């Protein structure tokens, strides 16, 4: 089995629904969910004049090879109504492969690790929550160190976990 870290996020419609549904579909189509970060509300990155995103990082174990995983992820995005109309634009769901084992891959369709991890606090914060000691093979340092060195100052707010203790 292979270990993959995925970032999921969106800023259109019922954001929590789309994250929850994408995790369900990933579990069904890509592999077993091993870990999930908290949900984070994050400022838009790259195109700032849009609504805030909800983001989460998950770790899966998968038998899929990287391109197969990418194709399955694109299928999940399509099922959830993802439209690719504008770079960094609003979207129901976006799923990125951050890491796949310790692989470094530069393909026309896919780059692993994701090339802008170290520049994005909205990626590093939830990733650090579940994989702080993971070594980035490009920077040869931990995720925690990348987060501490990150120059991105955009807002990343951990959402509280709401537990329904209704005992009717």
Protein backbone atom coordinates (compact mmCIF):
# COMPACT_ATOMS: atom_id res chain seq x y z
CA UNK A 1 0.00 0.00 0.00
CA UNK A 2 1.02 3.57 -0.65
CA UNK A 3 0.68 6.55 1.65
CA UNK A 4 -0.77 9.72 0.12
CA UNK A 5 -1.62 13.09 1.64
CA UNK A 6 -4.44 15.00 -0.01
CA UNK A 7 -5.68 18.54 0.46
CA UNK A 8 -9.41 19.00 -0.02
CA UNK A 9 -11.14 22.35 -0.06
CA UNK A 10 -13.87 24.47 -1.54
CA UNK A 11 -15.63 27.80 -1.24
CA UNK A 12 -18.92 27.38 -3.10
CA UNK A 13 -22.24 26.17 -1.72
CA UNK A 14 -22.40 24.06 1.43
CA UNK A 15 -18.65 23.84 1.96
CA UNK A 16 -18.83 21.34 4.83
CA UNK A 17 -21.10 19.05 2.79
CA UNK A 18 -18.68 19.06 -0.12
CA UNK A 19 -15.71 18.24 2.14
CA UNK A 20 -17.60 15.46 3.90
CA UNK A 21 -18.88 14.01 0.63
CA UNK A 22 -15.43 14.17 -0.98
CA UNK A 23 -13.93 12.22 1.95
CA UNK A 24 -16.65 9.57 1.52
CA UNK A 25 -16.00 9.33 -2.23
CA UNK A 26 -12.22 9.24 -1.76
CA UNK A 27 -12.65 6.37 0.71
CA UNK A 28 -14.83 4.58 -1.86
CA UNK A 29 -12.73 5.23 -4.97
CA UNK A 30 -9.14 5.87 -3.86
CA UNK A 31 -8.23 4.15 -0.62
CA UNK A 32 -8.66 3.89 3.12
CA UNK A 33 -8.77 7.14 5.10
CA UNK A 34 -6.02 6.82 7.72
CA UNK A 35 -6.05 10.35 9.20
CA UNK A 36 -8.03 13.56 8.88
CA UNK A 37 -7.08 17.02 10.05
CA UNK A 38 -9.56 19.42 11.56
CA UNK A 39 -11.47 21.70 9.23
CA UNK A 40 -9.95 25.12 8.64
CA UNK A 41 -11.58 28.24 7.26
CA UNK A 42 -8.99 29.91 5.10
CA UNK A 43 -8.70 33.09 3.08
CA UNK A 44 -8.62 32.64 -0.69
CA UNK A 45 -5.09 32.32 -2.09
CA UNK A 46 -4.05 33.47 -5.56
CA UNK A 47 -7.34 35.24 -6.31
CA UNK A 48 -8.35 37.18 -3.24
CA UNK A 49 -11.74 38.59 -4.33
CA UNK A 50 -13.78 35.51 -3.46
CA UNK A 51 -15.27 33.78 -0.45
CA UNK A 52 -13.31 31.93 2.22
CA UNK A 53 -12.49 28.25 1.75
CA UNK A 54 -12.93 25.30 4.03
CA UNK A 55 -9.85 23.08 3.85
CA UNK A 56 -8.76 19.77 5.31
CA UNK A 57 -5.82 17.41 4.82
CA UNK A 58 -6.34 13.67 4.80
CA UNK A 59 -3.91 10.76 4.66
CA UNK A 60 -4.97 7.69 2.74
CA UNK A 61 -3.47 4.31 2.07
CA UNK A 62 -4.00 3.39 -1.55
CA UNK A 63 -3.12 0.67 -4.01
CA UNK A 64 -3.46 3.19 -6.86
CA UNK A 65 -0.39 4.46 -8.66
CA UNK A 66 -0.02 8.29 -8.76
CA UNK A 67 -1.69 8.88 -12.15
CA UNK A 68 -4.48 6.42 -11.27
CA UNK A 69 -4.98 8.31 -8.00
CA UNK A 70 -5.10 11.61 -9.87
CA UNK A 71 -7.73 10.24 -12.28
CA UNK A 72 -9.84 8.94 -9.38
CA UNK A 73 -9.59 12.32 -7.65
CA UNK A 74 -10.63 14.14 -10.83
CA UNK A 75 -13.62 11.78 -11.01
CA UNK A 76 -14.58 12.70 -7.42
CA UNK A 77 -14.31 16.41 -8.28
CA UNK A 78 -16.55 15.89 -11.33
CA UNK A 79 -19.16 13.99 -9.30
CA UNK A 80 -19.27 16.96 -6.90
CA UNK A 81 -19.76 19.51 -9.67
CA UNK A 82 -16.24 20.94 -9.96
CA UNK A 83 -15.98 23.47 -12.81
CA UNK A 84 -12.57 24.63 -14.05
CA UNK A 85 -13.42 28.06 -15.39
CA UNK A 86 -10.79 30.34 -13.86
CA UNK A 87 -7.35 29.72 -12.35
CA UNK A 88 -7.62 29.97 -8.54
CA UNK A 89 -11.34 30.68 -8.98
CA UNK A 90 -14.25 29.67 -6.77
CA UNK A 91 -15.07 25.96 -6.69
CA UNK A 92 -17.27 23.40 -4.97
CA UNK A 93 -14.29 21.13 -4.35
CA UNK A 94 -10.61 20.96 -5.15
CA UNK A 95 -8.49 17.93 -4.29
CA UNK A 96 -4.70 18.06 -4.56
CA UNK A 97 -2.17 15.31 -4.08
CA UNK A 98 0.39 16.79 -1.70
CA UNK A 99 2.62 13.76 -1.14
CA UNK A 100 2.72 10.17 -2.34
CA UNK A 101 5.11 8.05 -0.27
CA UNK A 102 8.47 9.80 -0.57
CA UNK A 103 8.06 10.13 -4.33
CA UNK A 104 9.30 13.03 -6.40
CA UNK A 105 7.47 13.14 -9.74
CA UNK A 106 7.49 15.71 -12.53
CA UNK A 107 4.96 14.66 -15.16
CA UNK A 108 2.95 16.81 -17.57
CA UNK A 109 -0.21 15.88 -15.65
CA UNK A 110 1.11 15.70 -12.10
CA UNK A 111 3.89 17.05 -9.88
CA UNK A 112 4.57 15.40 -6.52
CA UNK A 113 5.14 16.84 -3.99
CA UNK A 114 2.70 19.59 -4.88
CA UNK A 115 4.98 22.44 -6.01
CA UNK A 116 3.60 25.22 -3.78
CA UNK A 117 3.20 23.49 -0.42
CA UNK A 118 5.87 25.61 1.27
CA UNK A 119 4.18 28.86 0.14
CA UNK A 120 0.70 28.10 1.45
CA UNK A 121 -0.24 28.37 5.11
CA UNK A 122 -3.69 26.92 4.30
CA UNK A 123 -1.94 23.70 3.25
CA UNK A 124 0.80 23.58 5.87
CA UNK A 125 -1.41 24.22 8.92
CA UNK A 126 -3.76 21.22 8.52
CA UNK A 127 -0.90 19.10 7.18
CA UNK A 128 1.19 19.93 10.25
CA UNK A 129 -1.71 18.87 12.48
CA UNK A 130 -1.51 15.27 11.23
CA UNK A 131 2.05 15.01 9.87
CA UNK A 132 4.29 17.57 11.58
CA UNK A 133 7.38 15.33 11.37
CA UNK A 134 6.87 14.26 7.75
CA UNK A 135 9.98 15.17 5.74
CA UNK A 136 9.36 17.11 2.54
CA UNK A 137 11.65 15.46 -0.05
CA UNK A 138 12.24 18.72 -1.96
CA UNK A 139 13.11 20.94 1.01
CA UNK A 140 14.55 18.08 3.11
CA UNK A 141 12.89 19.42 6.24
CA UNK A 142 9.79 18.71 8.31
CA UNK A 143 6.33 20.07 7.65
CA UNK A 144 6.56 21.81 11.02
CA UNK A 145 9.72 23.63 9.88
CA UNK A 146 8.10 24.58 6.58
CA UNK A 147 5.13 26.03 8.47
CA UNK A 148 7.39 28.03 10.79
CA UNK A 149 9.25 29.46 7.77
CA UNK A 150 6.12 30.15 5.69
CA UNK A 151 5.80 33.79 4.59
CA UNK A 152 2.07 33.51 3.78
CA UNK A 153 0.10 35.75 6.17
CA UNK A 154 -3.42 34.90 4.95
CA UNK A 155 -5.95 33.81 7.55
CA UNK A 156 -6.16 30.12 8.56
CA UNK A 157 -8.66 29.46 11.37
CA UNK A 158 -9.23 26.03 12.90
CA UNK A 159 -12.94 25.38 13.27
CA UNK A 160 -14.25 23.98 16.54
CA UNK A 161 -15.50 20.43 16.57
CA UNK A 162 -19.18 20.44 17.42
CA UNK A 163 -20.36 17.36 19.25
CA UNK A 164 -24.08 16.73 19.48
CA UNK A 165 -24.70 15.64 23.06
CA UNK A 166 -28.45 15.88 22.77
CA UNK A 167 -29.80 13.29 25.20
CA UNK A 168 -33.52 13.51 24.53
